[in-house]
């Protein structure tokens, strides 16, 4: 978080979700999502982006469903993240998507593995 946002906060040592997303129209992406806890108002005001990697940041409540905020292709990751945060159990997710942006194709959820504690 320090490198990307300029914040020194405690972050979970392991990702809550590791997601492999593949699509037919672009190279696959690996997402690692960590729990950084809740930021205070002062911390939110202190966010400074590393512009070579990030162009924007925003906060959204977990119940967000707006496709402009969470695109349908990323919805499986968002839902898995919400579950992992509630249970405290990390998850691995693979998502395959056909077609490109605006193709109307829904993401195809292939596999979710949640390690036992």
Protein backbone atom coordinates (compact mmCIF):
# COMPACT_ATOMS: atom_id res chain seq x y z
CA UNK A 1 0.00 0.00 0.00
CA UNK A 2 2.86 2.35 0.66
CA UNK A 3 4.25 2.08 -2.87
CA UNK A 4 0.92 2.47 -4.67
CA UNK A 5 -1.01 4.75 -2.29
CA UNK A 6 1.64 6.37 -0.11
CA UNK A 7 0.13 4.86 3.06
CA UNK A 8 1.85 2.87 5.77
CA UNK A 9 -0.88 0.55 7.05
CA UNK A 10 -0.95 -3.06 8.19
CA UNK A 11 -1.96 -5.36 5.34
CA UNK A 12 -2.77 -9.05 5.55
CA UNK A 13 0.41 -11.04 4.80
CA UNK A 14 -1.43 -13.28 2.33
CA UNK A 15 -4.02 -12.27 -0.25
CA UNK A 16 -7.68 -12.79 0.62
CA UNK A 17 -8.27 -13.64 -3.03
CA UNK A 18 -5.94 -14.70 -5.78
CA UNK A 19 -7.76 -14.62 -9.10
CA UNK A 20 -6.61 -15.71 -12.53
CA UNK A 21 -8.70 -14.02 -15.22
CA UNK A 22 -8.37 -15.08 -18.83
CA UNK A 23 -10.13 -13.69 -21.88
CA UNK A 24 -10.01 -14.42 -25.57
CA UNK A 25 -9.22 -10.81 -26.51
CA UNK A 26 -6.37 -9.95 -24.13
CA UNK A 27 -3.55 -11.49 -22.10
CA UNK A 28 -4.58 -13.13 -18.82
CA UNK A 29 -4.34 -11.14 -15.59
CA UNK A 30 -3.45 -12.29 -12.09
CA UNK A 31 -5.16 -10.33 -9.32
CA UNK A 32 -4.03 -10.49 -5.68
CA UNK A 33 -6.43 -8.78 -3.30
CA UNK A 34 -5.32 -8.03 0.25
CA UNK A 35 -7.21 -6.82 3.29
CA UNK A 36 -5.85 -3.45 4.37
CA UNK A 37 -8.55 -2.83 6.95
CA UNK A 38 -10.57 0.37 7.16
CA UNK A 39 -8.88 3.70 6.55
CA UNK A 40 -9.49 6.66 8.80
CA UNK A 41 -10.54 9.99 7.30
CA UNK A 42 -6.95 11.23 7.76
CA UNK A 43 -5.56 8.20 5.95
CA UNK A 44 -8.05 8.62 3.11
CA UNK A 45 -6.95 12.23 2.76
CA UNK A 46 -3.30 11.19 2.68
CA UNK A 47 -3.64 8.88 -0.35
CA UNK A 48 -1.02 9.71 -2.98
CA UNK A 49 -1.07 7.61 -6.14
CA UNK A 50 1.99 6.26 -7.85
CA UNK A 51 0.97 7.65 -11.23
CA UNK A 52 3.15 5.25 -13.21
CA UNK A 53 0.88 2.40 -12.00
CA UNK A 54 -2.45 3.90 -10.91
CA UNK A 55 -4.64 6.62 -12.33
CA UNK A 56 -7.62 6.59 -9.95
CA UNK A 57 -8.93 5.24 -6.67
CA UNK A 58 -12.35 5.13 -5.06
CA UNK A 59 -14.17 3.56 -2.11
CA UNK A 60 -17.27 1.45 -2.63
CA UNK A 61 -19.50 -0.34 -0.13
CA UNK A 62 -19.41 -4.15 -0.37
CA UNK A 63 -23.01 -4.26 -1.60
CA UNK A 64 -22.11 -2.31 -4.75
CA UNK A 65 -23.69 -3.86 -7.85
CA UNK A 66 -23.44 -1.00 -10.35
CA UNK A 67 -21.80 -2.41 -13.54
CA UNK A 68 -20.06 0.95 -14.04
CA UNK A 69 -18.24 0.33 -10.73
CA UNK A 70 -17.81 -3.45 -10.77
CA UNK A 71 -17.85 -4.65 -14.42
CA UNK A 72 -19.61 -7.98 -15.02
CA UNK A 73 -16.27 -9.56 -15.94
CA UNK A 74 -14.94 -8.80 -12.42
CA UNK A 75 -18.13 -9.61 -10.47
CA UNK A 76 -16.98 -13.17 -9.59
CA UNK A 77 -13.82 -11.69 -8.02
CA UNK A 78 -15.83 -9.05 -6.11
CA UNK A 79 -18.26 -11.67 -4.75
CA UNK A 80 -15.44 -14.03 -3.78
CA UNK A 81 -13.62 -11.17 -2.04
CA UNK A 82 -16.71 -10.29 0.00
CA UNK A 83 -17.06 -13.91 1.13
CA UNK A 84 -13.35 -14.24 1.96
CA UNK A 85 -13.45 -11.04 4.00
CA UNK A 86 -16.44 -12.28 6.01
CA UNK A 87 -15.04 -15.77 6.61
CA UNK A 88 -11.39 -14.74 6.94
CA UNK A 89 -10.49 -17.62 4.63
CA UNK A 90 -8.42 -16.95 1.49
CA UNK A 91 -9.72 -18.15 -1.87
CA UNK A 92 -8.33 -18.91 -5.30
CA UNK A 93 -10.55 -18.15 -8.27
CA UNK A 94 -10.28 -18.76 -12.01
CA UNK A 95 -12.51 -16.77 -14.35
CA UNK A 96 -12.72 -17.31 -18.10
CA UNK A 97 -14.38 -14.70 -20.25
CA UNK A 98 -15.36 -14.97 -23.90
CA UNK A 99 -15.33 -11.92 -26.16
CA UNK A 100 -14.22 -8.40 -25.43
CA UNK A 101 -15.65 -5.40 -23.65
CA UNK A 102 -19.20 -4.70 -24.75
CA UNK A 103 -19.62 -8.16 -26.27
CA UNK A 104 -22.46 -8.94 -23.89
CA UNK A 105 -20.77 -12.14 -22.82
CA UNK A 106 -21.12 -13.07 -19.19
CA UNK A 107 -18.03 -14.22 -17.30
CA UNK A 108 -17.84 -17.97 -16.82
CA UNK A 109 -16.86 -18.99 -13.33
CA UNK A 110 -14.73 -22.07 -13.53
CA UNK A 111 -13.39 -22.94 -10.12
CA UNK A 112 -13.07 -21.58 -6.63
CA UNK A 113 -10.84 -23.21 -4.04
CA UNK A 114 -11.01 -22.16 -0.42
CA UNK A 115 -8.25 -23.67 1.73
CA UNK A 116 -9.36 -25.25 4.99
CA UNK A 117 -8.02 -23.74 8.19
